[in-house]
Amino acid sequence: METVLGLEPWLGYLIVAAILTYTLSIGGWVLAKAGRSPLWILLLLVPYLNVIAFWAFAFARWPAVDGAAKGAARGP
């Protein structure tokens, strides 16, 4: 049995797993840089909840950005 690309099924699963692992690790890194827990990235694996998680992340306060803005507003 072959897949669409002519690969064996186990090789297709391995490629998908590698891409998913890479995507989740980079997303966790971005969340950590934004001052959030990297575990939030796991919400992207849940259908419909991922849209809500994107929305909440986009409109929530960003501790790393808000903290830098407060420091800049005070001056030297």
C-alpha atoms as a PDB file:
ATOM      1  CA  MET A   1       0.000   0.000   0.000  1.00  0.00           C
ATOM      2  CA  GLU A   2       1.385   3.390  -0.986  1.00  0.00           C
ATOM      3  CA  THR A   3       0.410   6.924  -0.073  1.00  0.00           C
ATOM      4  CA  VAL A   4      -0.189   9.843  -2.413  1.00  0.00           C
ATOM      5  CA  LEU A   5       3.509  10.642  -2.750  1.00  0.00           C
ATOM      6  CA  GLY A   6       4.413   7.019  -3.362  1.00  0.00           C
ATOM      7  CA  LEU A   7       5.932   6.624   0.112  1.00  0.00           C
ATOM      8  CA  GLU A   8       5.356   3.846   2.553  1.00  0.00           C
ATOM      9  CA  PRO A   9       2.740   4.769   5.201  1.00  0.00           C
ATOM     10  CA  TRP A  10       5.241   4.634   8.084  1.00  0.00           C
ATOM     11  CA  LEU A  11       7.508   7.084   6.292  1.00  0.00           C
ATOM     12  CA  GLY A  12       4.608   9.476   5.734  1.00  0.00           C
ATOM     13  CA  TYR A  13       3.733   9.291   9.440  1.00  0.00           C
ATOM     14  CA  LEU A  14       7.365   9.949  10.323  1.00  0.00           C
ATOM     15  CA  ILE A  15       7.454  13.050   8.113  1.00  0.00           C
ATOM     16  CA  VAL A  16       4.199  14.371   9.593  1.00  0.00           C
ATOM     17  CA  ALA A  17       5.481  13.738  13.132  1.00  0.00           C
ATOM     18  CA  ALA A  18       8.733  15.583  12.384  1.00  0.00           C
ATOM     19  CA  ILE A  19       6.891  18.593  10.951  1.00  0.00           C
ATOM     20  CA  LEU A  20       4.454  18.655  13.880  1.00  0.00           C
ATOM     21  CA  THR A  21       7.269  18.421  16.429  1.00  0.00           C
ATOM     22  CA  TYR A  22       9.181  21.229  14.732  1.00  0.00           C
ATOM     23  CA  THR A  23       6.094  23.457  14.557  1.00  0.00           C
ATOM     24  CA  LEU A  24       5.150  22.892  18.193  1.00  0.00           C
ATOM     25  CA  SER A  25       8.687  23.496  19.442  1.00  0.00           C
ATOM     26  CA  ILE A  26       9.034  26.771  17.509  1.00  0.00           C
ATOM     27  CA  GLY A  27       5.600  27.879  18.709  1.00  0.00           C
ATOM     28  CA  GLY A  28       6.574  27.090  22.302  1.00  0.00           C
ATOM     29  CA  TRP A  29       9.733  29.130  21.872  1.00  0.00           C
ATOM     30  CA  VAL A  30       7.708  32.101  20.590  1.00  0.00           C
ATOM     31  CA  LEU A  31       5.313  31.830  23.524  1.00  0.00           C
ATOM     32  CA  ALA A  32       8.211  31.730  25.981  1.00  0.00           C
ATOM     33  CA  LYS A  33       9.735  34.835  24.372  1.00  0.00           C
ATOM     34  CA  ALA A  34       6.356  36.571  24.751  1.00  0.00           C
ATOM     35  CA  GLY A  35       6.309  35.791  28.472  1.00  0.00           C
ATOM     36  CA  ARG A  36       3.735  32.996  28.332  1.00  0.00           C
ATOM     37  CA  SER A  37       3.974  29.337  29.241  1.00  0.00           C
ATOM     38  CA  PRO A  38       5.169  27.238  26.283  1.00  0.00           C
ATOM     39  CA  LEU A  39       2.542  24.637  27.181  1.00  0.00           C
ATOM     40  CA  TRP A  40      -0.118  26.899  25.640  1.00  0.00           C
ATOM     41  CA  ILE A  41       1.021  25.553  22.281  1.00  0.00           C
ATOM     42  CA  LEU A  42      -0.719  22.264  23.064  1.00  0.00           C
ATOM     43  CA  LEU A  43      -4.068  24.028  22.636  1.00  0.00           C
ATOM     44  CA  LEU A  44      -3.362  24.151  18.902  1.00  0.00           C
ATOM     45  CA  LEU A  45      -3.873  20.408  18.754  1.00  0.00           C
ATOM     46  CA  VAL A  46      -7.531  20.699  19.825  1.00  0.00           C
ATOM     47  CA  PRO A  47      -9.950  21.583  17.013  1.00  0.00           C
ATOM     48  CA  TYR A  48     -12.015  24.767  17.520  1.00  0.00           C
ATOM     49  CA  LEU A  49     -10.179  25.485  20.771  1.00  0.00           C
ATOM     50  CA  ASN A  50      -7.141  26.455  18.713  1.00  0.00           C
ATOM     51  CA  VAL A  51      -9.023  29.412  17.202  1.00  0.00           C
ATOM     52  CA  ILE A  52      -9.986  30.632  20.666  1.00  0.00           C
ATOM     53  CA  ALA A  53      -6.397  30.189  21.852  1.00  0.00           C
ATOM     54  CA  PHE A  54      -5.084  32.278  18.935  1.00  0.00           C
ATOM     55  CA  TRP A  55      -7.636  34.978  19.707  1.00  0.00           C
ATOM     56  CA  ALA A  56      -6.837  34.987  23.443  1.00  0.00           C
ATOM     57  CA  PHE A  57      -3.102  35.126  22.759  1.00  0.00           C
ATOM     58  CA  ALA A  58      -3.441  37.978  20.274  1.00  0.00           C
ATOM     59  CA  PHE A  59      -5.532  40.217  22.514  1.00  0.00           C
ATOM     60  CA  ALA A  60      -4.060  39.365  25.930  1.00  0.00           C
ATOM     61  CA  ARG A  61      -1.507  41.512  27.719  1.00  0.00           C
ATOM     62  CA  TRP A  62       2.049  40.585  26.802  1.00  0.00           C
ATOM     63  CA  PRO A  63       4.224  40.654  29.944  1.00  0.00           C
ATOM     64  CA  ALA A  64       7.483  40.978  28.002  1.00  0.00           C
ATOM     65  CA  VAL A  65       6.199  43.887  25.892  1.00  0.00           C
ATOM     66  CA  ASP A  66       4.220  45.667  28.624  1.00  0.00           C
ATOM     67  CA  GLY A  67       7.147  45.480  31.039  1.00  0.00           C
ATOM     68  CA  ALA A  68       9.498  47.039  28.483  1.00  0.00           C
ATOM     69  CA  ALA A  69       6.993  49.807  27.726  1.00  0.00           C
ATOM     70  CA  LYS A  70       6.667  50.687  31.424  1.00  0.00           C
ATOM     71  CA  GLY A  71      10.437  50.887  31.773  1.00  0.00           C
ATOM     72  CA  ALA A  72      10.738  53.146  28.731  1.00  0.00           C
ATOM     73  CA  ALA A  73       7.953  55.447  29.952  1.00  0.00           C
ATOM     74  CA  ARG A  74       9.736  56.109  33.251  1.00  0.00           C
ATOM     75  CA  GLY A  75      12.873  57.292  31.527  1.00  0.00           C
ATOM     76  CA  PRO A  76      16.465  57.032  32.767  1.00  0.00           C
END
